[in-house]
Structures are given as C-alpha cells and as structure tokens.
Amino acid sequence: MATQHQTPEMAQVERLYAVRGPAAVAAWLEALPYLVSLLCEARDQIDAAFGPHTRVALEVIEDAEVEGWNQLCALVDLDDEARAIEGFRRLEQWWIEAMPIAADKLAILIDHR
C-alpha cells in the first residue's frame, strides 16, 4: 500500500509488512536507515520460523513507563500459543545474533490483538 511517506526504503518495507502509523514508521526508518536491511532479513527469518503466510505489522510503540522511549516493533499476529512458542524457539538464535544490530531500536513481539 503506497503512502504519502513513500521512499524506496518505505516501499520495500511495506511490501513485507503491514504498517501501523506509516508516518511514525517512515520517520523511524529515516532516522535509522540500517534497520531496513535488518527488517528484510527479519521477515525471511519470521517466515521460516512461523510460516510464510504469517501476518506481521510494524508499529512504533511508545513505552508508557519510560518517557521518551520508543521502539519499532514487528508484531507477529498469532493466536496459537503453542505455535508462538515453537516459532520463537526457531527464531531465537538468529534474533540473539541480530540484537546488537537492532540496538534496542527494533523488537519482534507476538501480537494478540
């Protein structure tokens, strides 16, 4: 889905993820462009861990307890707790290796909305 915040990087991300709050996500990626390649790699890893048709949304989430602290979150849409646990086990080693690159600016979470 094209937005008014369209850059080549944002277009690439929107092909891989549903984007909640595109202005905030676009600003986040503009400020932290190294996350675009990590998001591309993450999508491949998420597909391998949870299945290729797993819905994943991106959203910049503000921490209600820590003023001024935000994080871009890849929210994996799963209702099945067993599938979520098994998928995270498969994703874990890659994510441990990727965490220093993410530098607390990206998180991968299960979304139960």
PDB file of N, CA and C in Angstrom:
ATOM      1  N   MET A   1       0.837  -1.170   0.000  1.00  0.00           N
ATOM      2  CA  MET A   1       0.000   0.000   0.000  1.00  0.00           C
ATOM      3  C   MET A   1       0.885   1.236   0.000  1.00  0.00           C
ATOM      4  N   ALA A   2       0.777   2.087  -0.973  1.00  0.00           N
ATOM      5  CA  ALA A   2       1.573   3.298  -1.066  1.00  0.00           C
ATOM      6  C   ALA A   2       1.020   4.348  -0.108  1.00  0.00           C
ATOM      7  N   THR A   3       1.937   5.121   0.455  1.00  0.00           N
ATOM      8  CA  THR A   3       1.533   6.179   1.363  1.00  0.00           C
ATOM      9  C   THR A   3       2.172   7.472   0.929  1.00  0.00           C
ATOM     10  N   GLN A   4       1.764   8.560   1.569  1.00  0.00           N
ATOM     11  CA  GLN A   4       2.374   9.845   1.287  1.00  0.00           C
ATOM     12  C   GLN A   4       3.802   9.902   1.813  1.00  0.00           C
ATOM     13  N   HIS A   5       4.218   8.930   2.601  1.00  0.00           N
ATOM     14  CA  HIS A   5       5.546   8.885   3.195  1.00  0.00           C
ATOM     15  C   HIS A   5       6.464   7.975   2.385  1.00  0.00           C
ATOM     16  N   GLN A   6       6.151   7.773   1.128  1.00  0.00           N
ATOM     17  CA  GLN A   6       6.816   6.791   0.302  1.00  0.00           C
ATOM     18  C   GLN A   6       8.244   7.194  -0.031  1.00  0.00           C
ATOM     19  N   THR A   7       9.171   6.378   0.353  1.00  0.00           N
ATOM     20  CA  THR A   7      10.554   6.426  -0.075  1.00  0.00           C
ATOM     21  C   THR A   7      10.837   5.028  -0.600  1.00  0.00           C
ATOM     22  N   PRO A   8      11.927   4.840  -1.317  1.00  0.00           N
ATOM     23  CA  PRO A   8      12.226   3.466  -1.757  1.00  0.00           C
ATOM     24  C   PRO A   8      12.332   2.487  -0.578  1.00  0.00           C
ATOM     25  N   GLU A   9      12.890   2.955   0.531  1.00  0.00           N
ATOM     26  CA  GLU A   9      13.029   2.095   1.702  1.00  0.00           C
ATOM     27  C   GLU A   9      11.665   1.755   2.301  1.00  0.00           C
ATOM     28  N   MET A  10      10.805   2.775   2.394  1.00  0.00           N
ATOM     29  CA  MET A  10       9.474   2.541   2.956  1.00  0.00           C
ATOM     30  C   MET A  10       8.662   1.630   2.036  1.00  0.00           C
ATOM     31  N   ALA A  11       8.793   1.808   0.738  1.00  0.00           N
ATOM     32  CA  ALA A  11       8.094   0.934  -0.211  1.00  0.00           C
ATOM     33  C   ALA A  11       8.556  -0.510  -0.032  1.00  0.00           C
ATOM     34  N   GLN A  12       9.848  -0.703   0.175  1.00  0.00           N
ATOM     35  CA  GLN A  12      10.389  -2.044   0.388  1.00  0.00           C
ATOM     36  C   GLN A  12       9.798  -2.664   1.658  1.00  0.00           C
ATOM     37  N   VAL A  13       9.753  -1.898   2.720  1.00  0.00           N
ATOM     38  CA  VAL A  13       9.215  -2.374   3.986  1.00  0.00           C
ATOM     39  C   VAL A  13       7.722  -2.674   3.861  1.00  0.00           C
ATOM     40  N   GLU A  14       6.982  -1.827   3.156  1.00  0.00           N
ATOM     41  CA  GLU A  14       5.534  -2.034   3.012  1.00  0.00           C
ATOM     42  C   GLU A  14       5.191  -3.259   2.167  1.00  0.00           C
ATOM     43  N   ARG A  15       6.128  -3.732   1.357  1.00  0.00           N
ATOM     44  CA  ARG A  15       5.907  -4.981   0.615  1.00  0.00           C
ATOM     45  C   ARG A  15       6.001  -6.195   1.540  1.00  0.00           C
ATOM     46  N   LEU A  16       6.686  -6.027   2.658  1.00  0.00           N
ATOM     47  CA  LEU A  16       6.940  -7.148   3.565  1.00  0.00           C
ATOM     48  C   LEU A  16       6.061  -7.152   4.812  1.00  0.00           C
ATOM     49  N   TYR A  17       5.611  -5.982   5.217  1.00  0.00           N
ATOM     50  CA  TYR A  17       4.899  -5.820   6.480  1.00  0.00           C
ATOM     51  C   TYR A  17       3.657  -4.956   6.290  1.00  0.00           C
ATOM     52  N   ALA A  18       2.655  -5.178   7.131  1.00  0.00           N
ATOM     53  CA  ALA A  18       1.580  -4.204   7.286  1.00  0.00           C
ATOM     54  C   ALA A  18       2.166  -3.095   8.160  1.00  0.00           C
ATOM     55  N   VAL A  19       1.850  -1.863   7.865  1.00  0.00           N
ATOM     56  CA  VAL A  19       2.432  -0.749   8.614  1.00  0.00           C
ATOM     57  C   VAL A  19       1.326  -0.004   9.350  1.00  0.00           C
ATOM     58  N   ARG A  20       1.455   0.061  10.654  1.00  0.00           N
ATOM     59  CA  ARG A  20       0.533   0.812  11.501  1.00  0.00           C
ATOM     60  C   ARG A  20       1.216   2.136  11.843  1.00  0.00           C
ATOM     61  N   GLY A  21       0.583   3.226  11.477  1.00  0.00           N
ATOM     62  CA  GLY A  21       1.196   4.526  11.728  1.00  0.00           C
ATOM     63  C   GLY A  21       2.341   4.784  10.773  1.00  0.00           C
ATOM     64  N   PRO A  22       2.049   4.835   9.464  1.00  0.00           N
ATOM     65  CA  PRO A  22       3.118   4.939   8.481  1.00  0.00           C
ATOM     66  C   PRO A  22       4.015   6.166   8.646  1.00  0.00           C
ATOM     67  N   ALA A  23       3.490   7.291   9.102  1.00  0.00           N
ATOM     68  CA  ALA A  23       4.327   8.486   9.284  1.00  0.00           C
ATOM     69  C   ALA A  23       5.395   8.227  10.338  1.00  0.00           C
ATOM     70  N   ALA A  24       5.001   7.610  11.448  1.00  0.00           N
ATOM     71  CA  ALA A  24       5.949   7.314  12.523  1.00  0.00           C
ATOM     72  C   ALA A  24       6.984   6.287  12.084  1.00  0.00           C
ATOM     73  N   VAL A  25       6.532   5.244  11.375  1.00  0.00           N
ATOM     74  CA  VAL A  25       7.460   4.211  10.897  1.00  0.00           C
ATOM     75  C   VAL A  25       8.430   4.815   9.882  1.00  0.00           C
ATOM     76  N   ALA A  26       7.922   5.627   8.961  1.00  0.00           N
ATOM     77  CA  ALA A  26       8.786   6.264   7.960  1.00  0.00           C
ATOM     78  C   ALA A  26       9.833   7.147   8.629  1.00  0.00           C
ATOM     79  N   ALA A  27       9.430   7.917   9.627  1.00  0.00           N
ATOM     80  CA  ALA A  27      10.377   8.783  10.340  1.00  0.00           C
ATOM     81  C   ALA A  27      11.424   7.950  11.076  1.00  0.00           C
ATOM     82  N   TRP A  28      10.992   6.846  11.666  1.00  0.00           N
ATOM     83  CA  TRP A  28      11.905   5.952  12.384  1.00  0.00           C
ATOM     84  C   TRP A  28      12.959   5.390  11.424  1.00  0.00           C
ATOM     85  N   LEU A  29      12.504   4.929  10.268  1.00  0.00           N
ATOM     86  CA  LEU A  29      13.431   4.341   9.298  1.00  0.00           C
ATOM     87  C   LEU A  29      14.326   5.396   8.656  1.00  0.00           C
ATOM     88  N   GLU A  30      13.817   6.613   8.521  1.00  0.00           N
ATOM     89  CA  GLU A  30      14.650   7.699   8.001  1.00  0.00           C
ATOM     90  C   GLU A  30      15.778   8.014   8.983  1.00  0.00           C
ATOM     91  N   ALA A  31      15.457   7.985  10.269  1.00  0.00           N
ATOM     92  CA  ALA A  31      16.459   8.267  11.301  1.00  0.00           C
ATOM     93  C   ALA A  31      17.423   7.101  11.504  1.00  0.00           C
ATOM     94  N   LEU A  32      16.956   5.880  11.242  1.00  0.00           N
ATOM     95  CA  LEU A  32      17.739   4.668  11.478  1.00  0.00           C
ATOM     96  C   LEU A  32      17.717   3.780  10.237  1.00  0.00           C
ATOM     97  N   PRO A  33      18.308   4.235   9.144  1.00  0.00           N
ATOM     98  CA  PRO A  33      18.174   3.504   7.870  1.00  0.00           C
ATOM     99  C   PRO A  33      18.761   2.093   7.882  1.00  0.00           C
ATOM    100  N   TYR A  34      19.688   1.804   8.772  1.00  0.00           N
ATOM    101  CA  TYR A  34      20.257   0.459   8.847  1.00  0.00           C
ATOM    102  C   TYR A  34      19.206  -0.591   9.203  1.00  0.00           C
ATOM    103  N   LEU A  35      18.074  -0.151   9.780  1.00  0.00           N
ATOM    104  CA  LEU A  35      17.028  -1.102  10.151  1.00  0.00           C
ATOM    105  C   LEU A  35      16.311  -1.693   8.938  1.00  0.00           C
ATOM    106  N   VAL A  36      16.360  -1.014   7.793  1.00  0.00           N
ATOM    107  CA  VAL A  36      15.648  -1.525   6.610  1.00  0.00           C
ATOM    108  C   VAL A  36      16.187  -2.896   6.215  1.00  0.00           C
ATOM    109  N   SER A  37      17.506  -3.039   6.120  1.00  0.00           N
ATOM    110  CA  SER A  37      18.059  -4.346   5.744  1.00  0.00           C
ATOM    111  C   SER A  37      17.804  -5.384   6.837  1.00  0.00           C
ATOM    112  N   LEU A  38      17.837  -4.965   8.098  1.00  0.00           N
ATOM    113  CA  LEU A  38      17.532  -5.892   9.181  1.00  0.00           C
ATOM    114  C   LEU A  38      16.075  -6.342   9.121  1.00  0.00           C
ATOM    115  N   LEU A  39      15.169  -5.423   8.788  1.00  0.00           N
ATOM    116  CA  LEU A  39      13.758  -5.783   8.640  1.00  0.00           C
ATOM    117  C   LEU A  39      13.543  -6.772   7.498  1.00  0.00           C
ATOM    118  N   CYS A  40      14.274  -6.601   6.409  1.00  0.00           N
ATOM    119  CA  CYS A  40      14.171  -7.554   5.289  1.00  0.00           C
ATOM    120  C   CYS A  40      14.636  -8.935   5.727  1.00  0.00           C
ATOM    121  N   GLU A  41      15.756  -8.974   6.415  1.00  0.00           N
ATOM    122  CA  GLU A  41      16.269 -10.251   6.913  1.00  0.00           C
ATOM    123  C   GLU A  41      15.321 -10.840   7.961  1.00  0.00           C
ATOM    124  N   ALA A  42      14.800  -9.987   8.822  1.00  0.00           N
ATOM    125  CA  ALA A  42      13.875 -10.458   9.858  1.00  0.00           C
ATOM    126  C   ALA A  42      12.646 -11.103   9.242  1.00  0.00           C
ATOM    127  N   ARG A  43      12.136 -10.508   8.167  1.00  0.00           N
ATOM    128  CA  ARG A  43      10.934 -11.076   7.542  1.00  0.00           C
ATOM    129  C   ARG A  43      11.202 -12.483   7.042  1.00  0.00           C
ATOM    130  N   ASP A  44      12.371 -12.699   6.426  1.00  0.00           N
ATOM    131  CA  ASP A  44      12.737 -14.044   5.976  1.00  0.00           C
ATOM    132  C   ASP A  44      12.800 -15.009   7.160  1.00  0.00           C
ATOM    133  N   GLN A  45      13.386 -14.554   8.251  1.00  0.00           N
ATOM    134  CA  GLN A  45      13.521 -15.401   9.436  1.00  0.00           C
ATOM    135  C   GLN A  45      12.157 -15.675  10.090  1.00  0.00           C
ATOM    136  N   ILE A  46      11.303 -14.670  10.123  1.00  0.00           N
ATOM    137  CA  ILE A  46       9.948 -14.841  10.679  1.00  0.00           C
ATOM    138  C   ILE A  46       9.165 -15.838   9.837  1.00  0.00           C
ATOM    139  N   ASP A  47       9.266 -15.715   8.519  1.00  0.00           N
ATOM    140  CA  ASP A  47       8.581 -16.661   7.639  1.00  0.00           C
ATOM    141  C   ASP A  47       9.078 -18.086   7.866  1.00  0.00           C
ATOM    142  N   ALA A  48      10.388 -18.246   8.023  1.00  0.00           N
ATOM    143  CA  ALA A  48      10.953 -19.572   8.258  1.00  0.00           C
ATOM    144  C   ALA A  48      10.507 -20.131   9.613  1.00  0.00           C
ATOM    145  N   ALA A  49      10.390 -19.263  10.612  1.00  0.00           N
ATOM    146  CA  ALA A  49      10.049 -19.719  11.958  1.00  0.00           C
ATOM    147  C   ALA A  49       8.559 -19.959  12.159  1.00  0.00           C
ATOM    148  N   PHE A  50       7.719 -19.089  11.582  1.00  0.00           N
ATOM    149  CA  PHE A  50       6.284 -19.138  11.855  1.00  0.00           C
ATOM    150  C   PHE A  50       5.442 -19.576  10.658  1.00  0.00           C
ATOM    151  N   GLY A  51       6.034 -19.586   9.476  1.00  0.00           N
ATOM    152  CA  GLY A  51       5.312 -19.935   8.265  1.00  0.00           C
ATOM    153  C   GLY A  51       5.219 -18.743   7.330  1.00  0.00           C
ATOM    154  N   PRO A  52       5.203 -19.010   6.011  1.00  0.00           N
ATOM    155  CA  PRO A  52       5.302 -17.936   5.024  1.00  0.00           C
ATOM    156  C   PRO A  52       4.089 -17.020   4.920  1.00  0.00           C
ATOM    157  N   HIS A  53       2.977 -17.388   5.486  1.00  0.00           N
ATOM    158  CA  HIS A  53       1.783 -16.540   5.379  1.00  0.00           C
ATOM    159  C   HIS A  53       1.442 -15.853   6.704  1.00  0.00           C
ATOM    160  N   THR A  54       2.402 -15.834   7.606  1.00  0.00           N
ATOM    161  CA  THR A  54       2.179 -15.194   8.905  1.00  0.00           C
ATOM    162  C   THR A  54       2.100 -13.689   8.719  1.00  0.00           C
ATOM    163  N   ARG A  55       1.064 -13.096   9.287  1.00  0.00           N
ATOM    164  CA  ARG A  55       0.905 -11.638   9.210  1.00  0.00           C
ATOM    165  C   ARG A  55       1.819 -10.986  10.237  1.00  0.00           C
ATOM    166  N   VAL A  56       2.525  -9.938   9.780  1.00  0.00           N
ATOM    167  CA  VAL A  56       3.419  -9.192  10.668  1.00  0.00           C
ATOM    168  C   VAL A  56       3.213  -7.707  10.386  1.00  0.00           C
ATOM    169  N   ALA A  57       3.000  -6.943  11.447  1.00  0.00           N
ATOM    170  CA  ALA A  57       2.813  -5.494  11.327  1.00  0.00           C
ATOM    171  C   ALA A  57       3.991  -4.775  11.968  1.00  0.00           C
ATOM    172  N   LEU A  58       4.296  -3.601  11.443  1.00  0.00           N
ATOM    173  CA  LEU A  58       5.298  -2.725  12.046  1.00  0.00           C
ATOM    174  C   LEU A  58       4.591  -1.550  12.683  1.00  0.00           C
ATOM    175  N   GLU A  59       5.047  -1.197  13.874  1.00  0.00           N
ATOM    176  CA  GLU A  59       4.476  -0.055  14.571  1.00  0.00           C
ATOM    177  C   GLU A  59       5.523   0.509  15.518  1.00  0.00           C
ATOM    178  N   VAL A  60       5.621   1.835  15.573  1.00  0.00           N
ATOM    179  CA  VAL A  60       6.464   2.475  16.577  1.00  0.00           C
ATOM    180  C   VAL A  60       5.624   2.564  17.849  1.00  0.00           C
ATOM    181  N   ILE A  61       6.127   1.954  18.907  1.00  0.00           N
ATOM    182  CA  ILE A  61       5.391   1.885  20.166  1.00  0.00           C
ATOM    183  C   ILE A  61       6.145   2.687  21.219  1.00  0.00           C
ATOM    184  N   GLU A  62       5.394   3.521  21.911  1.00  0.00           N
ATOM    185  CA  GLU A  62       5.950   4.325  22.992  1.00  0.00           C
ATOM    186  C   GLU A  62       5.788   3.569  24.305  1.00  0.00           C
ATOM    187  N   ASP A  63       6.835   3.570  25.102  1.00  0.00           N
ATOM    188  CA  ASP A  63       6.782   2.937  26.414  1.00  0.00           C
ATOM    189  C   ASP A  63       6.033   3.856  27.376  1.00  0.00           C
ATOM    190  N   ALA A  64       4.954   3.373  27.921  1.00  0.00           N
ATOM    191  CA  ALA A  64       4.136   4.181  28.831  1.00  0.00           C
ATOM    192  C   ALA A  64       4.856   4.469  30.148  1.00  0.00           C
ATOM    193  N   GLU A  65       5.828   3.652  30.490  1.00  0.00           N
ATOM    194  CA  GLU A  65       6.521   3.800  31.764  1.00  0.00           C
ATOM    195  C   GLU A  65       7.804   4.615  31.665  1.00  0.00           C
ATOM    196  N   VAL A  66       8.383   4.715  30.470  1.00  0.00           N
ATOM    197  CA  VAL A  66       9.649   5.432  30.304  1.00  0.00           C
ATOM    198  C   VAL A  66       9.425   6.558  29.303  1.00  0.00           C
ATOM    199  N   GLU A  67       9.355   7.760  29.790  1.00  0.00           N
ATOM    200  CA  GLU A  67       9.075   8.915  28.938  1.00  0.00           C
ATOM    201  C   GLU A  67      10.148   9.071  27.862  1.00  0.00           C
ATOM    202  N   GLY A  68       9.685   9.262  26.631  1.00  0.00           N
ATOM    203  CA  GLY A  68      10.582   9.494  25.510  1.00  0.00           C
ATOM    204  C   GLY A  68      11.236   8.247  24.935  1.00  0.00           C
ATOM    205  N   TRP A  69      10.869   7.064  25.437  1.00  0.00           N
ATOM    206  CA  TRP A  69      11.472   5.836  24.923  1.00  0.00           C
ATOM    207  C   TRP A  69      10.497   5.160  23.969  1.00  0.00           C
ATOM    208  N   ASN A  70      10.926   5.006  22.724  1.00  0.00           N
ATOM    209  CA  ASN A  70      10.121   4.366  21.680  1.00  0.00           C
ATOM    210  C   ASN A  70      10.906   3.212  21.092  1.00  0.00           C
ATOM    211  N   GLN A  71      10.178   2.332  20.415  1.00  0.00           N
ATOM    212  CA  GLN A  71      10.813   1.208  19.753  1.00  0.00           C
ATOM    213  C   GLN A  71       9.957   0.807  18.555  1.00  0.00           C
ATOM    214  N   LEU A  72      10.614   0.467  17.448  1.00  0.00           N
ATOM    215  CA  LEU A  72       9.910  -0.086  16.304  1.00  0.00           C
ATOM    216  C   LEU A  72       9.680  -1.563  16.596  1.00  0.00           C
ATOM    217  N   CYS A  73       8.437  -1.986  16.500  1.00  0.00           N
ATOM    218  CA  CYS A  73       8.097  -3.373  16.809  1.00  0.00           C
ATOM    219  C   CYS A  73       7.545  -4.077  15.582  1.00  0.00           C
ATOM    220  N   ALA A  74       8.060  -5.271  15.338  1.00  0.00           N
ATOM    221  CA  ALA A  74       7.487  -6.184  14.352  1.00  0.00           C
ATOM    222  C   ALA A  74       6.555  -7.086  15.146  1.00  0.00           C
ATOM    223  N   LEU A  75       5.276  -6.940  14.914  1.00  0.00           N
ATOM    224  CA  LEU A  75       4.247  -7.630  15.686  1.00  0.00           C
ATOM    225  C   LEU A  75       3.735  -8.827  14.896  1.00  0.00           C
ATOM    226  N   VAL A  76       4.111 -10.010  15.341  1.00  0.00           N
ATOM    227  CA  VAL A  76       3.743 -11.261  14.676  1.00  0.00           C
ATOM    228  C   VAL A  76       2.342 -11.641  15.144  1.00  0.00           C
ATOM    229  N   ASP A  77       1.407 -11.700  14.213  1.00  0.00           N
ATOM    230  CA  ASP A  77      -0.005 -11.938  14.514  1.00  0.00           C
ATOM    231  C   ASP A  77      -0.268 -13.436  14.657  1.00  0.00           C
ATOM    232  N   LEU A  78      -0.338 -13.899  15.910  1.00  0.00           N
ATOM    233  CA  LEU A  78      -0.600 -15.308  16.183  1.00  0.00           C
ATOM    234  C   LEU A  78      -1.572 -15.431  17.341  1.00  0.00           C
ATOM    235  N   ASP A  79      -2.523 -16.337  17.220  1.00  0.00           N
ATOM    236  CA  ASP A  79      -3.452 -16.629  18.303  1.00  0.00           C
ATOM    237  C   ASP A  79      -3.061 -17.904  19.040  1.00  0.00           C
ATOM    238  N   ASP A  80      -2.320 -18.765  18.386  1.00  0.00           N
ATOM    239  CA  ASP A  80      -1.983 -20.082  18.913  1.00  0.00           C
ATOM    240  C   ASP A  80      -0.704 -19.986  19.755  1.00  0.00           C
ATOM    241  N   GLU A  81      -0.856 -20.136  21.072  1.00  0.00           N
ATOM    242  CA  GLU A  81       0.286 -20.000  21.983  1.00  0.00           C
ATOM    243  C   GLU A  81       1.371 -21.035  21.701  1.00  0.00           C
ATOM    244  N   ALA A  82       0.994 -22.264  21.413  1.00  0.00           N
ATOM    245  CA  ALA A  82       1.982 -23.311  21.127  1.00  0.00           C
ATOM    246  C   ALA A  82       2.770 -22.964  19.866  1.00  0.00           C
ATOM    247  N   ARG A  83       2.079 -22.477  18.842  1.00  0.00           N
ATOM    248  CA  ARG A  83       2.751 -22.080  17.600  1.00  0.00           C
ATOM    249  C   ARG A  83       3.694 -20.903  17.855  1.00  0.00           C
ATOM    250  N   ALA A  84       3.286 -19.971  18.713  1.00  0.00           N
ATOM    251  CA  ALA A  84       4.118 -18.820  19.046  1.00  0.00           C
ATOM    252  C   ALA A  84       5.397 -19.259  19.756  1.00  0.00           C
ATOM    253  N   ILE A  85       5.266 -20.150  20.723  1.00  0.00           N
ATOM    254  CA  ILE A  85       6.437 -20.627  21.470  1.00  0.00           C
ATOM    255  C   ILE A  85       7.380 -21.383  20.550  1.00  0.00           C
ATOM    256  N   GLU A  86       6.848 -22.277  19.752  1.00  0.00           N
ATOM    257  CA  GLU A  86       7.692 -23.059  18.833  1.00  0.00           C
ATOM    258  C   GLU A  86       8.370 -22.147  17.815  1.00  0.00           C
ATOM    259  N   GLY A  87       7.633 -21.178  17.285  1.00  0.00           N
ATOM    260  CA  GLY A  87       8.220 -20.243  16.327  1.00  0.00           C
ATOM    261  C   GLY A  87       9.345 -19.435  16.934  1.00  0.00           C
ATOM    262  N   PHE A  88       9.156 -18.962  18.155  1.00  0.00           N
ATOM    263  CA  PHE A  88      10.215 -18.190  18.809  1.00  0.00           C
ATOM    264  C   PHE A  88      11.435 -19.053  19.091  1.00  0.00           C
ATOM    265  N   ARG A  89      11.236 -20.308  19.373  1.00  0.00           N
ATOM    266  CA  ARG A  89      12.393 -21.206  19.540  1.00  0.00           C
ATOM    267  C   ARG A  89      13.206 -21.280  18.248  1.00  0.00           C
ATOM    268  N   ARG A  90      12.511 -21.347  17.117  1.00  0.00           N
ATOM    269  CA  ARG A  90      13.208 -21.400  15.828  1.00  0.00           C
ATOM    270  C   ARG A  90      13.864 -20.061  15.491  1.00  0.00           C
ATOM    271  N   LEU A  91      13.252 -18.971  15.914  1.00  0.00           N
ATOM    272  CA  LEU A  91      13.750 -17.620  15.613  1.00  0.00           C
ATOM    273  C   LEU A  91      14.866 -17.182  16.557  1.00  0.00           C
ATOM    274  N   GLU A  92      14.932 -17.776  17.727  1.00  0.00           N
ATOM    275  CA  GLU A  92      15.776 -17.291  18.819  1.00  0.00           C
ATOM    276  C   GLU A  92      17.252 -17.119  18.462  1.00  0.00           C
ATOM    277  N   GLN A  93      17.877 -18.100  17.864  1.00  0.00           N
ATOM    278  CA  GLN A  93      19.314 -17.994  17.592  1.00  0.00           C
ATOM    279  C   GLN A  93      19.613 -16.841  16.639  1.00  0.00           C
ATOM    280  N   TRP A  94      18.812 -16.725  15.586  1.00  0.00           N
ATOM    281  CA  TRP A  94      19.023 -15.596  14.671  1.00  0.00           C
ATOM    282  C   TRP A  94      18.839 -14.281  15.411  1.00  0.00           C
ATOM    283  N   TRP A  95      17.781 -14.161  16.219  1.00  0.00           N
ATOM    284  CA  TRP A  95      17.490 -12.904  16.907  1.00  0.00           C
ATOM    285  C   TRP A  95      18.598 -12.547  17.905  1.00  0.00           C
ATOM    286  N   ILE A  96      19.146 -13.533  18.614  1.00  0.00           N
ATOM    287  CA  ILE A  96      20.262 -13.272  19.534  1.00  0.00           C
ATOM    288  C   ILE A  96      21.429 -12.654  18.771  1.00  0.00           C
ATOM    289  N   GLU A  97      21.709 -13.173  17.597  1.00  0.00           N
ATOM    290  CA  GLU A  97      22.803 -12.637  16.778  1.00  0.00           C
ATOM    291  C   GLU A  97      22.463 -11.267  16.197  1.00  0.00           C
ATOM    292  N   ALA A  98      21.188 -10.998  15.933  1.00  0.00           N
ATOM    293  CA  ALA A  98      20.769  -9.729  15.330  1.00  0.00           C
ATOM    294  C   ALA A  98      20.560  -8.616  16.356  1.00  0.00           C
ATOM    295  N   MET A  99      20.383  -8.964  17.612  1.00  0.00           N
ATOM    296  CA  MET A  99      20.072  -7.956  18.631  1.00  0.00           C
ATOM    297  C   MET A  99      21.109  -6.828  18.716  1.00  0.00           C
ATOM    298  N   PRO A 100      22.403  -7.099  18.622  1.00  0.00           N
ATOM    299  CA  PRO A 100      23.342  -5.972  18.657  1.00  0.00           C
ATOM    300  C   PRO A 100      23.147  -5.004  17.487  1.00  0.00           C
ATOM    301  N   ILE A 101      22.732  -5.520  16.348  1.00  0.00           N
ATOM    302  CA  ILE A 101      22.459  -4.656  15.190  1.00  0.00           C
ATOM    303  C   ILE A 101      21.196  -3.843  15.456  1.00  0.00           C
ATOM    304  N   ALA A 102      20.189  -4.486  16.029  1.00  0.00           N
ATOM    305  CA  ALA A 102      18.924  -3.803  16.327  1.00  0.00           C
ATOM    306  C   ALA A 102      19.108  -2.708  17.364  1.00  0.00           C
ATOM    307  N   ALA A 103      20.053  -2.882  18.255  1.00  0.00           N
ATOM    308  CA  ALA A 103      20.442  -1.869  19.241  1.00  0.00           C
ATOM    309  C   ALA A 103      19.242  -1.283  20.000  1.00  0.00           C
ATOM    310  N   ASP A 104      18.335  -2.149  20.424  1.00  0.00           N
ATOM    311  CA  ASP A 104      17.131  -1.723  21.169  1.00  0.00           C
ATOM    312  C   ASP A 104      16.220  -0.797  20.375  1.00  0.00           C
ATOM    313  N   LYS A 105      16.397  -0.733  19.066  1.00  0.00           N
ATOM    314  CA  LYS A 105      15.543   0.110  18.225  1.00  0.00           C
ATOM    315  C   LYS A 105      14.489  -0.708  17.498  1.00  0.00           C
ATOM    316  N   LEU A 106      14.594  -2.046  17.572  1.00  0.00           N
ATOM    317  CA  LEU A 106      13.652  -2.960  16.929  1.00  0.00           C
ATOM    318  C   LEU A 106      13.398  -4.123  17.870  1.00  0.00           C
ATOM    319  N   ALA A 107      12.136  -4.510  17.985  1.00  0.00           N
ATOM    320  CA  ALA A 107      11.754  -5.685  18.761  1.00  0.00           C
ATOM    321  C   ALA A 107      10.835  -6.539  17.896  1.00  0.00           C
ATOM    322  N   ILE A 108      10.860  -7.838  18.137  1.00  0.00           N
ATOM    323  CA  ILE A 108       9.937  -8.758  17.489  1.00  0.00           C
ATOM    324  C   ILE A 108       9.072  -9.340  18.598  1.00  0.00           C
ATOM    325  N   LEU A 109       7.759  -9.106  18.484  1.00  0.00           N
ATOM    326  CA  LEU A 109       6.814  -9.493  19.541  1.00  0.00           C
ATOM    327  C   LEU A 109       5.640 -10.250  18.950  1.00  0.00           C
ATOM    328  N   ILE A 110       4.986 -11.051  19.784  1.00  0.00           N
ATOM    329  CA  ILE A 110       3.735 -11.694  19.385  1.00  0.00           C
ATOM    330  C   ILE A 110       2.614 -10.703  19.650  1.00  0.00           C
ATOM    331  N   ASP A 111       1.726 -10.538  18.682  1.00  0.00           N
ATOM    332  CA  ASP A 111       0.591  -9.625  18.784  1.00  0.00           C
ATOM    333  C   ASP A 111      -0.686 -10.444  18.947  1.00  0.00           C
ATOM    334  N   HIS A 112      -1.365 -10.229  20.053  1.00  0.00           N
ATOM    335  CA  HIS A 112      -2.615 -10.954  20.341  1.00  0.00           C
ATOM    336  C   HIS A 112      -3.837 -10.055  20.181  1.00  0.00           C
ATOM    337  N   ARG A 113      -3.774  -9.063  19.328  1.00  0.00           N
ATOM    338  CA  ARG A 113      -4.910  -8.122  19.173  1.00  0.00           C
ATOM    339  C   ARG A 113      -6.092  -8.798  18.546  1.00  0.00           C
TER     340      ARG A 113
END
